[in-house]
Amino acid sequence: MLAQEDSGPTDNRFPVAVADTSAFRDVSVSVRCKPVGGRVDRACGIVWRYIDENNYYLARANALEDNVCWYYVQNGRRTEVKRAK
């Protein structure tokens, strides 16, 4: 279980937890999310193809916006690929 307890007001912070192990192949991953607070954001997601903090893919669910978005982050710049309600 992971929990973000920092209630800082910034809206440009995206905490990421990384499994620091060998490469994975042919896996199935699932996440259960319980947004418990937050005025700026209430979100969780899954990161894959993680190279470093500036290069990875991300699927993110946001309870405040009632959506799920797929992004890629390249050289620290996040780009939305797809959004669904």
C-alpha atoms as a PDB file:
ATOM      1  CA  MET A   1       0.000   0.000   0.000  1.00  0.00           C
ATOM      2  CA  LEU A   2       1.191   3.508  -0.833  1.00  0.00           C
ATOM      3  CA  ALA A   3      -0.266   6.781   0.419  1.00  0.00           C
ATOM      4  CA  GLN A   4       0.554  10.376  -0.400  1.00  0.00           C
ATOM      5  CA  GLU A   5       0.078  12.351   2.775  1.00  0.00           C
ATOM      6  CA  ASP A   6       1.658  15.666   1.750  1.00  0.00           C
ATOM      7  CA  SER A   7      -1.107  18.227   1.353  1.00  0.00           C
ATOM      8  CA  GLY A   8       1.043  20.878  -0.342  1.00  0.00           C
ATOM      9  CA  PRO A   9      -0.887  23.236  -2.643  1.00  0.00           C
ATOM     10  CA  THR A  10       1.192  22.684  -5.797  1.00  0.00           C
ATOM     11  CA  ASP A  11      -0.595  21.371  -8.873  1.00  0.00           C
ATOM     12  CA  ASN A  12       2.591  20.542 -10.771  1.00  0.00           C
ATOM     13  CA  ARG A  13       3.850  17.596  -8.719  1.00  0.00           C
ATOM     14  CA  PHE A  14       3.370  13.992  -9.784  1.00  0.00           C
ATOM     15  CA  PRO A  15       4.706  11.556  -7.164  1.00  0.00           C
ATOM     16  CA  VAL A  16       5.857   8.239  -8.636  1.00  0.00           C
ATOM     17  CA  ALA A  17       6.880   5.028  -6.832  1.00  0.00           C
ATOM     18  CA  VAL A  18       9.252   2.812  -8.820  1.00  0.00           C
ATOM     19  CA  ALA A  19       9.965  -0.908  -8.305  1.00  0.00           C
ATOM     20  CA  ASP A  20      13.752  -0.966  -8.431  1.00  0.00           C
ATOM     21  CA  THR A  21      14.179  -4.516  -9.724  1.00  0.00           C
ATOM     22  CA  SER A  22      15.002  -6.371 -12.901  1.00  0.00           C
ATOM     23  CA  ALA A  23      13.014  -5.842 -16.072  1.00  0.00           C
ATOM     24  CA  PHE A  24       9.543  -7.416 -16.128  1.00  0.00           C
ATOM     25  CA  ARG A  25       8.067  -9.312 -19.090  1.00  0.00           C
ATOM     26  CA  ASP A  26       4.560 -10.508 -19.863  1.00  0.00           C
ATOM     27  CA  VAL A  27       2.957  -9.182 -16.688  1.00  0.00           C
ATOM     28  CA  SER A  28      -0.516  -8.160 -15.661  1.00  0.00           C
ATOM     29  CA  VAL A  29      -0.788  -5.138 -13.364  1.00  0.00           C
ATOM     30  CA  SER A  30      -3.760  -3.715 -11.512  1.00  0.00           C
ATOM     31  CA  VAL A  31      -4.272  -0.816  -9.129  1.00  0.00           C
ATOM     32  CA  ARG A  32      -6.952  -0.066  -6.565  1.00  0.00           C
ATOM     33  CA  CYS A  33      -7.321   3.595  -5.800  1.00  0.00           C
ATOM     34  CA  LYS A  34      -8.999   5.298  -2.870  1.00  0.00           C
ATOM     35  CA  PRO A  35      -8.938   9.097  -3.088  1.00  0.00           C
ATOM     36  CA  VAL A  36      -9.366  10.383   0.458  1.00  0.00           C
ATOM     37  CA  GLY A  37      -8.727  14.104   0.098  1.00  0.00           C
ATOM     38  CA  GLY A  38      -7.245  16.910  -1.890  1.00  0.00           C
ATOM     39  CA  ARG A  39      -8.483  20.169  -3.361  1.00  0.00           C
ATOM     40  CA  VAL A  40      -6.109  20.374  -6.332  1.00  0.00           C
ATOM     41  CA  ASP A  41      -6.042  16.697  -7.287  1.00  0.00           C
ATOM     42  CA  ARG A  42      -7.298  13.250  -6.237  1.00  0.00           C
ATOM     43  CA  ALA A  43      -5.555  10.822  -8.533  1.00  0.00           C
ATOM     44  CA  CYS A  44      -3.668   7.563  -8.864  1.00  0.00           C
ATOM     45  CA  GLY A  45      -2.281   5.527 -11.721  1.00  0.00           C
ATOM     46  CA  ILE A  46       0.221   3.140 -13.223  1.00  0.00           C
ATOM     47  CA  VAL A  47       3.583   4.001 -14.769  1.00  0.00           C
ATOM     48  CA  TRP A  48       5.257   1.727 -17.325  1.00  0.00           C
ATOM     49  CA  ARG A  49       8.287   1.816 -19.606  1.00  0.00           C
ATOM     50  CA  TYR A  50       9.955   3.897 -16.904  1.00  0.00           C
ATOM     51  CA  ILE A  51      13.440   5.048 -17.907  1.00  0.00           C
ATOM     52  CA  ASP A  52      13.873   7.861 -15.385  1.00  0.00           C
ATOM     53  CA  GLU A  53      11.785  10.613 -13.725  1.00  0.00           C
ATOM     54  CA  ASN A  54      11.627  12.467 -17.052  1.00  0.00           C
ATOM     55  CA  ASN A  55      10.755   9.595 -19.430  1.00  0.00           C
ATOM     56  CA  TYR A  56       7.865   7.114 -18.960  1.00  0.00           C
ATOM     57  CA  TYR A  57       4.236   6.291 -19.823  1.00  0.00           C
ATOM     58  CA  LEU A  58       1.370   6.863 -17.393  1.00  0.00           C
ATOM     59  CA  ALA A  59      -2.314   5.944 -17.050  1.00  0.00           C
ATOM     60  CA  ARG A  60      -3.929   8.185 -14.428  1.00  0.00           C
ATOM     61  CA  ALA A  61      -7.409   8.209 -12.865  1.00  0.00           C
ATOM     62  CA  ASN A  62      -8.622  11.502 -11.360  1.00  0.00           C
ATOM     63  CA  ALA A  63     -11.604  11.483  -8.968  1.00  0.00           C
ATOM     64  CA  LEU A  64     -12.070  15.275  -9.067  1.00  0.00           C
ATOM     65  CA  GLU A  65     -12.230  15.397 -12.876  1.00  0.00           C
ATOM     66  CA  ASP A  66     -14.018  12.016 -13.198  1.00  0.00           C
ATOM     67  CA  ASN A  67     -11.685  10.797 -15.929  1.00  0.00           C
ATOM     68  CA  VAL A  68      -8.827   8.472 -16.847  1.00  0.00           C
ATOM     69  CA  CYS A  69      -5.982   9.799 -19.001  1.00  0.00           C
ATOM     70  CA  TRP A  70      -3.083   8.156 -20.797  1.00  0.00           C
ATOM     71  CA  TYR A  71       0.094  10.246 -21.058  1.00  0.00           C
ATOM     72  CA  TYR A  72       3.669   9.889 -22.070  1.00  0.00           C
ATOM     73  CA  VAL A  73       6.406  11.937 -20.453  1.00  0.00           C
ATOM     74  CA  GLN A  74       9.430  12.687 -22.612  1.00  0.00           C
ATOM     75  CA  ASN A  75      12.297  14.856 -21.420  1.00  0.00           C
ATOM     76  CA  GLY A  76      10.130  15.989 -18.495  1.00  0.00           C
ATOM     77  CA  ARG A  77       7.244  17.168 -20.695  1.00  0.00           C
ATOM     78  CA  ARG A  78       3.892  15.401 -20.214  1.00  0.00           C
ATOM     79  CA  THR A  79       1.741  14.890 -23.328  1.00  0.00           C
ATOM     80  CA  GLU A  80      -1.819  13.541 -23.239  1.00  0.00           C
ATOM     81  CA  VAL A  81      -2.516  10.652 -25.624  1.00  0.00           C
ATOM     82  CA  LYS A  82      -6.108   9.748 -24.725  1.00  0.00           C
ATOM     83  CA  ARG A  83      -8.806  10.782 -22.207  1.00  0.00           C
ATOM     84  CA  ALA A  84     -11.996   8.953 -21.165  1.00  0.00           C
ATOM     85  CA  LYS A  85     -14.832   9.731 -18.718  1.00  0.00           C
END
